[in-house]
Amino acid sequence: MNSGFASLLYVNFVIKKKYRIDDVAKEMRIATDTLYRYVRGENIIPPDRIIDLVRATGDIEYLEFFCDPCGYVPVPQGPARLTKEEREKEQIRLSIFTGKALEEIEKAYEDGKLERSELQKIEKALLRLQQKAAELREKIKKEVEL
């Protein structure tokens, strides 16, 4: 493997089998063996192909790979205006993610010490919480801009 991103691709496509290479390649409009070479780390995936990859899989984890080290959180664009019901659903989702993050923190500190694996779970839960909060903020901002 020639990069951490290739490792991420390998884990998602080969180990976890989250996606079928031939389906994603078709959606990306590239040859299946080209995507195989990216997944195996034989070739480096070009930046414009990463955009196609995210669109084909809908997997925000690929964006997180680049955003997280820079201190950013990827936020998907939502509809221009939320209905009252959509806004309430977004608030409920945010509450759920807040609860999950707090639960991970509580579990990690139950034994009085923090392990690396527990820290990773907390960081992942907090990242998801940040994403959901940023999504809601952007959706609400769009309502003001109209």
Protein backbone atom coordinates (compact mmCIF):
# COMPACT_ATOMS: atom_id res chain seq x y z
CA MET A 1 0.00 0.00 0.00
CA ASN A 2 1.31 3.42 -0.86
CA SER A 3 -0.91 5.59 1.33
CA GLY A 4 -3.26 5.68 4.24
CA PHE A 5 -6.08 6.46 1.82
CA ALA A 6 -5.34 3.30 -0.17
CA SER A 7 -5.47 1.39 3.12
CA LEU A 8 -8.88 2.92 3.85
CA LEU A 9 -10.09 1.85 0.41
CA TYR A 10 -8.71 -1.66 0.93
CA VAL A 11 -10.41 -2.03 4.30
CA ASN A 12 -13.79 -0.80 3.03
CA PHE A 13 -13.81 -2.71 -0.26
CA VAL A 14 -11.91 -5.90 0.54
CA ILE A 15 -11.99 -6.53 4.27
CA LYS A 16 -15.36 -5.06 5.28
CA LYS A 17 -16.90 -5.59 1.83
CA LYS A 18 -18.94 -2.42 2.20
CA TYR A 19 -19.00 -1.90 -1.57
CA ARG A 20 -18.69 -3.98 -4.70
CA ILE A 21 -15.81 -2.74 -6.83
CA ASP A 22 -17.60 -3.36 -10.11
CA ASP A 23 -20.71 -1.43 -8.98
CA VAL A 24 -18.71 1.55 -7.70
CA ALA A 25 -16.46 1.58 -10.78
CA LYS A 26 -19.52 1.67 -13.01
CA GLU A 27 -21.00 4.53 -10.99
CA MET A 28 -17.66 6.38 -11.15
CA ARG A 29 -17.49 5.69 -14.91
CA ILE A 30 -14.07 4.08 -14.74
CA ALA A 31 -12.80 0.61 -15.59
CA THR A 32 -13.19 -1.97 -12.83
CA ASP A 33 -9.49 -2.86 -12.94
CA THR A 34 -8.62 0.84 -12.51
CA LEU A 35 -10.58 0.93 -9.26
CA TYR A 36 -8.96 -2.38 -8.26
CA ARG A 37 -5.53 -0.75 -8.68
CA TYR A 38 -6.60 2.17 -6.45
CA VAL A 39 -7.98 -0.21 -3.82
CA ARG A 40 -4.85 -2.38 -3.84
CA GLY A 41 -2.65 0.73 -3.61
CA GLU A 42 -0.93 0.08 -6.94
CA ASN A 43 -2.01 3.49 -8.26
CA ILE A 44 -2.80 6.67 -6.36
CA ILE A 45 -6.37 7.80 -6.83
CA PRO A 46 -6.48 11.30 -8.36
CA PRO A 47 -8.33 14.00 -6.40
CA ASP A 48 -11.12 14.32 -8.97
CA ARG A 49 -11.74 10.58 -8.69
CA ILE A 50 -12.15 10.94 -4.91
CA ILE A 51 -15.09 13.23 -5.63
CA ASP A 52 -16.55 10.54 -7.90
CA LEU A 53 -15.87 7.91 -5.21
CA VAL A 54 -17.76 9.87 -2.56
CA ARG A 55 -20.67 10.41 -4.94
CA ALA A 56 -20.72 6.71 -5.92
CA THR A 57 -20.58 5.37 -2.36
CA GLY A 58 -22.14 8.21 -0.38
CA ASP A 59 -19.44 7.45 2.22
CA ILE A 60 -18.43 10.56 4.12
CA GLU A 61 -15.53 8.63 5.68
CA TYR A 62 -13.48 9.38 2.56
CA LEU A 63 -13.94 13.10 3.07
CA GLU A 64 -13.22 12.76 6.79
CA PHE A 65 -9.85 11.24 5.90
CA PHE A 66 -8.75 14.60 4.48
CA CYS A 67 -10.80 16.99 6.62
CA ASP A 68 -10.01 15.61 10.07
CA PRO A 69 -6.25 16.29 10.06
CA CYS A 70 -7.01 19.87 9.00
CA GLY A 71 -9.53 20.39 11.79
CA TYR A 72 -12.59 20.49 9.53
CA VAL A 73 -15.77 18.46 9.43
CA PRO A 74 -17.43 17.63 6.10
CA VAL A 75 -21.03 18.81 6.02
CA PRO A 76 -23.42 17.63 3.31
CA GLN A 77 -25.61 20.21 1.68
CA GLY A 78 -29.23 19.87 2.57
CA PRO A 79 -32.44 21.26 1.15
CA ALA A 80 -32.69 25.01 0.84
CA ARG A 81 -35.49 25.30 3.38
CA LEU A 82 -36.55 22.96 6.17
CA THR A 83 -40.13 22.33 7.11
CA LYS A 84 -41.03 22.38 10.78
CA GLU A 85 -41.12 18.56 10.77
CA GLU A 86 -37.70 18.30 9.10
CA ARG A 87 -36.23 20.76 11.60
CA GLU A 88 -37.66 18.72 14.49
CA LYS A 89 -36.24 15.50 13.00
CA GLU A 90 -32.83 17.15 12.67
CA GLN A 91 -32.98 18.26 16.29
CA ILE A 92 -33.93 14.75 17.38
CA ARG A 93 -31.03 13.27 15.36
CA LEU A 94 -28.65 15.77 16.96
CA SER A 95 -29.94 14.78 20.40
CA ILE A 96 -29.40 11.10 19.58
CA PHE A 97 -25.81 11.75 18.48
CA THR A 98 -25.21 13.82 21.63
CA GLY A 99 -26.48 10.93 23.74
CA LYS A 100 -24.27 8.44 21.91
CA ALA A 101 -21.20 10.63 22.38
CA LEU A 102 -21.91 11.03 26.09
CA GLU A 103 -22.49 7.28 26.41
CA GLU A 104 -19.09 6.55 24.85
CA ILE A 105 -17.43 9.00 27.24
CA GLU A 106 -19.17 7.45 30.26
CA LYS A 107 -18.22 3.90 29.19
CA ALA A 108 -14.61 4.94 28.69
CA TYR A 109 -14.29 6.36 32.19
CA GLU A 110 -16.11 3.55 34.03
CA ASP A 111 -12.87 1.84 35.08
CA GLY A 112 -11.11 5.11 35.88
CA LYS A 113 -8.59 4.97 33.04
CA LEU A 114 -8.79 5.81 29.38
CA GLU A 115 -7.51 3.29 26.81
CA ARG A 116 -6.46 4.18 23.27
CA SER A 117 -9.38 2.20 21.79
CA GLU A 118 -11.79 4.06 24.08
CA LEU A 119 -10.31 7.39 23.04
CA GLN A 120 -10.83 6.44 19.38
CA LYS A 121 -14.48 5.59 20.06
CA ILE A 122 -14.97 8.91 21.84
CA GLU A 123 -13.30 10.82 19.02
CA LYS A 124 -15.47 9.08 16.43
CA ALA A 125 -18.66 9.78 18.41
CA LEU A 126 -17.69 13.43 18.89
CA LEU A 127 -16.85 13.76 15.19
CA ARG A 128 -20.31 12.46 14.26
CA LEU A 129 -21.83 14.89 16.75
CA GLN A 130 -19.86 17.77 15.22
CA GLN A 131 -21.01 16.76 11.75
CA LYS A 132 -24.67 16.61 12.74
CA ALA A 133 -24.44 19.95 14.55
CA ALA A 134 -22.74 21.54 11.53
CA GLU A 135 -25.38 20.09 9.19
CA LEU A 136 -28.17 21.54 11.29
CA ARG A 137 -26.38 24.90 11.54
CA GLU A 138 -26.00 25.05 7.74
CA LYS A 139 -29.62 24.13 7.15
CA ILE A 140 -30.77 26.82 9.56
CA LYS A 141 -28.41 29.39 8.00
CA LYS A 142 -29.94 28.68 4.58
CA GLU A 143 -33.33 29.65 5.96
CA VAL A 144 -31.97 33.03 7.08
CA GLU A 145 -30.27 33.67 3.72
CA LEU A 146 -33.51 33.21 1.79
